[in-house]
Each structure stands twice: as structure tokens, then as C-alpha cells.
Amino acid sequence: MPDLSLKERKRIAIRRDLTAVALELFLRDGYENTTVDQIAAGAGMSRRTFFRYYNAKDDVIVGKWDLIGLDMITALEERPQDEPIWDSLRGMYDVVIQHYADPQRREQSLAVDSIVAATPALRHSYLARRDLFEGIVTDLLVKERGGDWLVVRAVVGAVTACVEAARDETLQTKPAMLGPAIDRALAAVRDA
């Protein structure tokens, strides 16, 4: 994560720890049955300290994607500047493929994803964060590589849609096929 201060890197590390504790509690006790106090205690902090990092319990469950998003942006920044944007975006999503390749993380993520999908407010929050993430990626690409914002934003959205479709098709029954499914969806859209 280039260009982040030590303070911001520590903040991200603490958010990662809080998210890990919260996800473990959500899966063990259920999302509705888990309190902010339990999350804070599990992370070895006070309730007040918890609220320095997250505004609500809802932010923690959806926040896992914020943290993965930071890793994805770092991966995108490390791509060659002369690489086609389409290919750079595909490479950025290797972070997601690696995340789901780990059986323990995949099981946890799928359980959390099902909670998000079944809770309208969380689903809305997830979609809002995804839209914000796509905007950040678009702005980064236009700033670093130039180009028409509208076209870059459309490409970013198309790649994200392909990844979502591949996740829907593969993660429940054939998670090892996520990467090939992403490539298949991207090829279909790119060739359309």
C-alpha cells in the first residue's frame, strides 16, 4: 500500500484484526446475535475504541470487501503502466482468486456473503461500496494512464460484472474454477 502513512497502515491492520474477530463471531453466533461489545472484547479493545474504526456492526461485515479492495488497488498500481487496462483489471482480480483459493477463507467468505445477500441493508451497503470502489479504480486508471473517463468507467464496470458472474457460477460448487470462469466471461464480453 504505497503512499500510506504509518498511522494509516496501523489503522488498516487494526481494521483487519477487527474484521477477522467479527467474522468469526458472526459465523459462530450468528450476525444478529453478535454485538459490538462482543466484537470489541474479542479484539481486546473497548466499545469506544471499536467506534474509532467502524461506525457500526454492519460496516464490519461489509468492510471485509473494503480491505480486499485495498489489496486490489495495490495490485493494480503494481501492474505495468503500458499494459492494456483490460488486462490490468484482470490481474487486479487475482487478489480475489487467491482469497477464494484458500479453503478456510472461502468457507468464511461464502458464509458472510450469504448473510449480506439475505440482509437488504447489508446488500445495499455492499453494492454502494462496490460502486465507490469502481469509481476509485476508474479515477486511478485515468490519472495514471489517461483516457476517456466514461470509457474507462465502462470497462471497469464490465470487468466487475464478469467477475461477479464468475463468482456466482463457481464459488458454491467448483471454486477452483473461479479464475478460468473470470477469463471465460471476460473473453465473451471483450469479443462481443
C-alpha atoms as a PDB file:
ATOM      1  CA  MET A   1       0.000   0.000   0.000  1.00  0.00           C
ATOM      2  CA  PRO A   2       2.249   2.768  -1.216  1.00  0.00           C
ATOM      3  CA  ASP A   3       1.837   6.371  -0.031  1.00  0.00           C
ATOM      4  CA  LEU A   4       0.165   5.458   3.260  1.00  0.00           C
ATOM      5  CA  SER A   5       1.478   6.866   6.493  1.00  0.00           C
ATOM      6  CA  LEU A   6       2.480   4.605   9.349  1.00  0.00           C
ATOM      7  CA  LYS A   7      -0.642   5.740  11.208  1.00  0.00           C
ATOM      8  CA  GLU A   8      -2.898   4.761   8.293  1.00  0.00           C
ATOM      9  CA  ARG A   9      -1.161   1.385   7.872  1.00  0.00           C
ATOM     10  CA  LYS A  10      -1.716   0.704  11.588  1.00  0.00           C
ATOM     11  CA  ARG A  11      -5.363   1.708  11.226  1.00  0.00           C
ATOM     12  CA  ILE A  12      -5.797  -0.738   8.355  1.00  0.00           C
ATOM     13  CA  ALA A  13      -4.085  -3.502  10.340  1.00  0.00           C
ATOM     14  CA  ILE A  14      -6.433  -2.919  13.279  1.00  0.00           C
ATOM     15  CA  ARG A  15      -9.450  -2.916  10.937  1.00  0.00           C
ATOM     16  CA  ARG A  16      -8.253  -6.239   9.515  1.00  0.00           C
ATOM     17  CA  ASP A  17      -7.998  -7.659  13.052  1.00  0.00           C
ATOM     18  CA  LEU A  18     -11.442  -6.363  13.996  1.00  0.00           C
ATOM     19  CA  THR A  19     -12.922  -7.776  10.812  1.00  0.00           C
ATOM     20  CA  ALA A  20     -11.372 -11.192  11.447  1.00  0.00           C
ATOM     21  CA  VAL A  21     -12.747 -11.283  15.010  1.00  0.00           C
ATOM     22  CA  ALA A  22     -16.174 -10.090  13.884  1.00  0.00           C
ATOM     23  CA  LEU A  23     -16.453 -12.596  11.039  1.00  0.00           C
ATOM     24  CA  GLU A  24     -15.522 -15.418  13.390  1.00  0.00           C
ATOM     25  CA  LEU A  25     -18.234 -14.315  15.832  1.00  0.00           C
ATOM     26  CA  PHE A  26     -20.813 -13.831  13.084  1.00  0.00           C
ATOM     27  CA  LEU A  27     -20.231 -17.359  11.843  1.00  0.00           C
ATOM     28  CA  ARG A  28     -20.205 -18.895  15.310  1.00  0.00           C
ATOM     29  CA  ASP A  29     -23.064 -16.984  16.959  1.00  0.00           C
ATOM     30  CA  GLY A  30     -24.961 -15.531  14.009  1.00  0.00           C
ATOM     31  CA  TYR A  31     -24.866 -11.993  12.697  1.00  0.00           C
ATOM     32  CA  GLU A  32     -27.946 -10.801  14.579  1.00  0.00           C
ATOM     33  CA  ASN A  33     -26.763 -12.352  17.867  1.00  0.00           C
ATOM     34  CA  THR A  34     -23.315 -10.747  17.773  1.00  0.00           C
ATOM     35  CA  THR A  35     -22.917  -7.389  19.475  1.00  0.00           C
ATOM     36  CA  VAL A  36     -20.380  -4.628  19.052  1.00  0.00           C
ATOM     37  CA  ASP A  37     -19.339  -5.246  22.673  1.00  0.00           C
ATOM     38  CA  GLN A  38     -18.511  -8.880  21.830  1.00  0.00           C
ATOM     39  CA  ILE A  39     -16.505  -7.856  18.774  1.00  0.00           C
ATOM     40  CA  ALA A  40     -14.582  -5.239  20.742  1.00  0.00           C
ATOM     41  CA  ALA A  41     -13.891  -7.656  23.604  1.00  0.00           C
ATOM     42  CA  GLY A  42     -12.759 -10.341  21.172  1.00  0.00           C
ATOM     43  CA  ALA A  43     -10.299  -7.868  19.667  1.00  0.00           C
ATOM     44  CA  GLY A  44      -9.069  -6.774  23.097  1.00  0.00           C
ATOM     45  CA  MET A  45     -10.444  -3.243  22.947  1.00  0.00           C
ATOM     46  CA  SER A  46     -13.248  -1.177  24.385  1.00  0.00           C
ATOM     47  CA  ARG A  47     -16.539  -0.448  22.662  1.00  0.00           C
ATOM     48  CA  ARG A  48     -15.440   3.174  22.338  1.00  0.00           C
ATOM     49  CA  THR A  49     -12.214   2.136  20.603  1.00  0.00           C
ATOM     50  CA  PHE A  50     -14.227  -0.076  18.206  1.00  0.00           C
ATOM     51  CA  PHE A  51     -16.106   3.020  17.044  1.00  0.00           C
ATOM     52  CA  ARG A  52     -12.831   4.696  16.063  1.00  0.00           C
ATOM     53  CA  TYR A  53     -12.516   2.076  13.343  1.00  0.00           C
ATOM     54  CA  TYR A  54     -16.090   1.268  12.376  1.00  0.00           C
ATOM     55  CA  ASN A  55     -19.330   3.215  12.715  1.00  0.00           C
ATOM     56  CA  ALA A  56     -21.482   0.120  13.206  1.00  0.00           C
ATOM     57  CA  LYS A  57     -21.511  -3.658  13.181  1.00  0.00           C
ATOM     58  CA  ASP A  58     -22.849  -3.510   9.614  1.00  0.00           C
ATOM     59  CA  ASP A  59     -19.681  -1.732   8.485  1.00  0.00           C
ATOM     60  CA  VAL A  60     -17.544  -4.594   9.755  1.00  0.00           C
ATOM     61  CA  ILE A  61     -19.300  -7.314   7.775  1.00  0.00           C
ATOM     62  CA  VAL A  62     -19.306  -5.356   4.541  1.00  0.00           C
ATOM     63  CA  GLY A  63     -15.924  -3.837   5.371  1.00  0.00           C
ATOM     64  CA  LYS A  64     -14.166  -7.096   4.516  1.00  0.00           C
ATOM     65  CA  TRP A  65     -14.539  -6.012   0.896  1.00  0.00           C
ATOM     66  CA  ASP A  66     -13.017  -2.606   1.677  1.00  0.00           C
ATOM     67  CA  LEU A  67      -9.917  -4.377   2.948  1.00  0.00           C
ATOM     68  CA  ILE A  68      -9.732  -6.710  -0.045  1.00  0.00           C
ATOM     69  CA  GLY A  69     -10.258  -3.634  -2.208  1.00  0.00           C
ATOM     70  CA  LEU A  70      -7.129  -2.031  -0.739  1.00  0.00           C
ATOM     71  CA  ASP A  71      -5.144  -5.112  -1.710  1.00  0.00           C
ATOM     72  CA  MET A  72      -6.665  -4.998  -5.195  1.00  0.00           C
ATOM     73  CA  ILE A  73      -5.733  -1.352  -5.673  1.00  0.00           C
ATOM     74  CA  THR A  74      -2.173  -2.126  -4.577  1.00  0.00           C
ATOM     75  CA  ALA A  75      -2.088  -4.972  -7.126  1.00  0.00           C
ATOM     76  CA  LEU A  76      -3.406  -2.612  -9.822  1.00  0.00           C
ATOM     77  CA  GLU A  77      -0.772   0.013  -9.001  1.00  0.00           C
ATOM     78  CA  GLU A  78       1.922  -2.646  -9.409  1.00  0.00           C
ATOM     79  CA  ARG A  79       0.779  -3.558 -12.942  1.00  0.00           C
ATOM     80  CA  PRO A  80       2.870  -2.258 -15.875  1.00  0.00           C
ATOM     81  CA  GLN A  81       1.745   1.220 -16.934  1.00  0.00           C
ATOM     82  CA  ASP A  82       1.792   0.260 -20.612  1.00  0.00           C
ATOM     83  CA  GLU A  83      -0.378  -2.820 -20.099  1.00  0.00           C
ATOM     84  CA  PRO A  84      -3.889  -2.584 -21.565  1.00  0.00           C
ATOM     85  CA  ILE A  85      -6.382  -1.512 -18.907  1.00  0.00           C
ATOM     86  CA  TRP A  86      -8.498  -4.624 -19.513  1.00  0.00           C
ATOM     87  CA  ASP A  87      -5.519  -6.863 -18.713  1.00  0.00           C
ATOM     88  CA  SER A  88      -4.530  -4.792 -15.678  1.00  0.00           C
ATOM     89  CA  LEU A  89      -8.037  -5.091 -14.260  1.00  0.00           C
ATOM     90  CA  ARG A  90      -7.994  -8.834 -14.814  1.00  0.00           C
ATOM     91  CA  GLY A  91      -4.659  -9.027 -12.996  1.00  0.00           C
ATOM     92  CA  MET A  92      -6.064  -6.951 -10.152  1.00  0.00           C
ATOM     93  CA  TYR A  93      -8.743  -9.598  -9.590  1.00  0.00           C
ATOM     94  CA  ASP A  94      -6.059 -12.214  -8.902  1.00  0.00           C
ATOM     95  CA  VAL A  95      -6.365 -10.935  -5.332  1.00  0.00           C
ATOM     96  CA  VAL A  96      -9.963 -12.203  -5.232  1.00  0.00           C
ATOM     97  CA  ILE A  97      -8.998 -15.509  -6.844  1.00  0.00           C
ATOM     98  CA  GLN A  98      -6.266 -16.021  -4.245  1.00  0.00           C
ATOM     99  CA  HIS A  99      -8.670 -15.072  -1.457  1.00  0.00           C
ATOM    100  CA  TYR A 100     -11.172 -17.734  -2.502  1.00  0.00           C
ATOM    101  CA  ALA A 101      -8.455 -20.308  -3.242  1.00  0.00           C
ATOM    102  CA  ASP A 102      -7.805 -20.693   0.482  1.00  0.00           C
ATOM    103  CA  PRO A 103     -10.465 -23.214   1.661  1.00  0.00           C
ATOM    104  CA  GLN A 104     -10.841 -21.661   5.122  1.00  0.00           C
ATOM    105  CA  ARG A 105     -11.163 -18.094   3.834  1.00  0.00           C
ATOM    106  CA  ARG A 106     -13.503 -19.267   1.068  1.00  0.00           C
ATOM    107  CA  GLU A 107     -15.811 -21.011   3.549  1.00  0.00           C
ATOM    108  CA  GLN A 108     -15.849 -17.958   5.788  1.00  0.00           C
ATOM    109  CA  SER A 109     -16.374 -15.569   2.882  1.00  0.00           C
ATOM    110  CA  LEU A 110     -19.207 -17.587   1.402  1.00  0.00           C
ATOM    111  CA  ALA A 111     -20.964 -17.661   4.765  1.00  0.00           C
ATOM    112  CA  VAL A 112     -20.531 -13.910   5.158  1.00  0.00           C
ATOM    113  CA  ASP A 113     -21.625 -13.326   1.554  1.00  0.00           C
ATOM    114  CA  SER A 114     -24.828 -15.266   2.252  1.00  0.00           C
ATOM    115  CA  ILE A 115     -25.526 -13.056   5.304  1.00  0.00           C
ATOM    116  CA  VAL A 116     -25.001  -9.956   3.161  1.00  0.00           C
ATOM    117  CA  ALA A 117     -27.207 -11.307   0.372  1.00  0.00           C
ATOM    118  CA  ALA A 118     -30.011 -12.175   2.821  1.00  0.00           C
ATOM    119  CA  THR A 119     -29.990  -8.791   4.590  1.00  0.00           C
ATOM    120  CA  PRO A 120     -31.286  -5.954   2.378  1.00  0.00           C
ATOM    121  CA  ALA A 121     -29.468  -3.178   4.256  1.00  0.00           C
ATOM    122  CA  LEU A 122     -26.168  -5.060   4.053  1.00  0.00           C
ATOM    123  CA  ARG A 123     -26.710  -5.859   0.373  1.00  0.00           C
ATOM    124  CA  HIS A 124     -27.347  -2.193  -0.298  1.00  0.00           C
ATOM    125  CA  SER A 125     -24.203  -1.244   1.608  1.00  0.00           C
ATOM    126  CA  TYR A 126     -22.160  -3.827  -0.322  1.00  0.00           C
ATOM    127  CA  LEU A 127     -23.415  -2.521  -3.670  1.00  0.00           C
ATOM    128  CA  ALA A 128     -22.720   1.095  -2.650  1.00  0.00           C
ATOM    129  CA  ARG A 129     -19.172   0.149  -1.637  1.00  0.00           C
ATOM    130  CA  ARG A 130     -18.639  -1.754  -4.876  1.00  0.00           C
ATOM    131  CA  ASP A 131     -19.779   1.282  -6.857  1.00  0.00           C
ATOM    132  CA  LEU A 132     -17.440   3.508  -4.841  1.00  0.00           C
ATOM    133  CA  PHE A 133     -14.580   1.052  -5.417  1.00  0.00           C
ATOM    134  CA  GLU A 134     -15.220   1.048  -9.174  1.00  0.00           C
ATOM    135  CA  GLY A 135     -15.083   4.857  -9.131  1.00  0.00           C
ATOM    136  CA  ILE A 136     -11.772   4.837  -7.231  1.00  0.00           C
ATOM    137  CA  VAL A 137     -10.287   2.335  -9.690  1.00  0.00           C
ATOM    138  CA  THR A 138     -11.548   4.387 -12.629  1.00  0.00           C
ATOM    139  CA  ASP A 139     -10.089   7.614 -11.248  1.00  0.00           C
ATOM    140  CA  LEU A 140      -6.763   5.898 -10.530  1.00  0.00           C
ATOM    141  CA  LEU A 141      -6.529   4.489 -14.051  1.00  0.00           C
ATOM    142  CA  VAL A 142      -7.450   7.790 -15.724  1.00  0.00           C
ATOM    143  CA  LYS A 143      -4.952   9.671 -13.530  1.00  0.00           C
ATOM    144  CA  GLU A 144      -2.100   7.238 -14.127  1.00  0.00           C
ATOM    145  CA  ARG A 145      -2.764   6.254 -17.727  1.00  0.00           C
ATOM    146  CA  GLY A 146      -5.037   8.883 -19.194  1.00  0.00           C
ATOM    147  CA  GLY A 147      -8.023   8.175 -21.347  1.00  0.00           C
ATOM    148  CA  ASP A 148     -11.699   8.985 -21.515  1.00  0.00           C
ATOM    149  CA  TRP A 149     -13.254   8.671 -18.018  1.00  0.00           C
ATOM    150  CA  LEU A 150     -16.546   7.352 -19.436  1.00  0.00           C
ATOM    151  CA  VAL A 151     -14.833   4.601 -21.414  1.00  0.00           C
ATOM    152  CA  VAL A 152     -12.564   3.594 -18.533  1.00  0.00           C
ATOM    153  CA  ARG A 153     -15.542   3.548 -16.125  1.00  0.00           C
ATOM    154  CA  ALA A 154     -17.499   1.348 -18.535  1.00  0.00           C
ATOM    155  CA  VAL A 155     -14.561  -1.071 -18.813  1.00  0.00           C
ATOM    156  CA  VAL A 156     -14.160  -1.200 -15.024  1.00  0.00           C
ATOM    157  CA  GLY A 157     -17.880  -1.916 -14.639  1.00  0.00           C
ATOM    158  CA  ALA A 158     -17.815  -4.584 -17.332  1.00  0.00           C
ATOM    159  CA  VAL A 159     -14.867  -6.368 -15.724  1.00  0.00           C
ATOM    160  CA  THR A 160     -16.570  -6.234 -12.324  1.00  0.00           C
ATOM    161  CA  ALA A 161     -19.762  -7.690 -13.818  1.00  0.00           C
ATOM    162  CA  CYS A 162     -17.758 -10.532 -15.364  1.00  0.00           C
ATOM    163  CA  VAL A 163     -16.117 -11.290 -12.017  1.00  0.00           C
ATOM    164  CA  GLU A 164     -19.487 -11.250 -10.231  1.00  0.00           C
ATOM    165  CA  ALA A 165     -20.959 -13.637 -12.811  1.00  0.00           C
ATOM    166  CA  ALA A 166     -17.967 -15.966 -12.464  1.00  0.00           C
ATOM    167  CA  ARG A 167     -18.282 -15.898  -8.670  1.00  0.00           C
ATOM    168  CA  ASP A 168     -21.988 -16.741  -8.922  1.00  0.00           C
ATOM    169  CA  GLU A 169     -21.274 -19.675 -11.210  1.00  0.00           C
ATOM    170  CA  THR A 170     -18.309 -21.228  -9.463  1.00  0.00           C
ATOM    171  CA  LEU A 171     -17.852 -20.499  -5.785  1.00  0.00           C
ATOM    172  CA  GLN A 172     -20.517 -22.762  -4.311  1.00  0.00           C
ATOM    173  CA  THR A 173     -19.675 -25.902  -6.263  1.00  0.00           C
ATOM    174  CA  LYS A 174     -16.386 -25.507  -8.126  1.00  0.00           C
ATOM    175  CA  PRO A 175     -14.277 -22.764  -6.518  1.00  0.00           C
ATOM    176  CA  ALA A 176     -11.076 -23.864  -8.241  1.00  0.00           C
ATOM    177  CA  MET A 177     -12.695 -22.761 -11.496  1.00  0.00           C
ATOM    178  CA  LEU A 178     -13.087 -19.103 -10.467  1.00  0.00           C
ATOM    179  CA  GLY A 179     -10.064 -17.886 -12.445  1.00  0.00           C
ATOM    180  CA  PRO A 180     -10.988 -19.747 -15.644  1.00  0.00           C
ATOM    181  CA  ALA A 181     -14.608 -18.615 -15.289  1.00  0.00           C
ATOM    182  CA  ILE A 182     -13.495 -14.986 -14.978  1.00  0.00           C
ATOM    183  CA  ASP A 183     -11.344 -15.400 -18.080  1.00  0.00           C
ATOM    184  CA  ARG A 184     -14.218 -17.011 -19.984  1.00  0.00           C
ATOM    185  CA  ALA A 185     -16.631 -14.215 -19.050  1.00  0.00           C
ATOM    186  CA  LEU A 186     -14.076 -11.515 -19.884  1.00  0.00           C
ATOM    187  CA  ALA A 187     -13.342 -13.082 -23.267  1.00  0.00           C
ATOM    188  CA  ALA A 188     -17.045 -13.261 -24.081  1.00  0.00           C
ATOM    189  CA  VAL A 189     -17.633  -9.603 -23.237  1.00  0.00           C
ATOM    190  CA  ARG A 190     -14.426  -8.422 -24.888  1.00  0.00           C
ATOM    191  CA  ASP A 191     -15.271 -10.287 -28.102  1.00  0.00           C
ATOM    192  CA  ALA A 192     -18.936  -9.228 -28.152  1.00  0.00           C
END
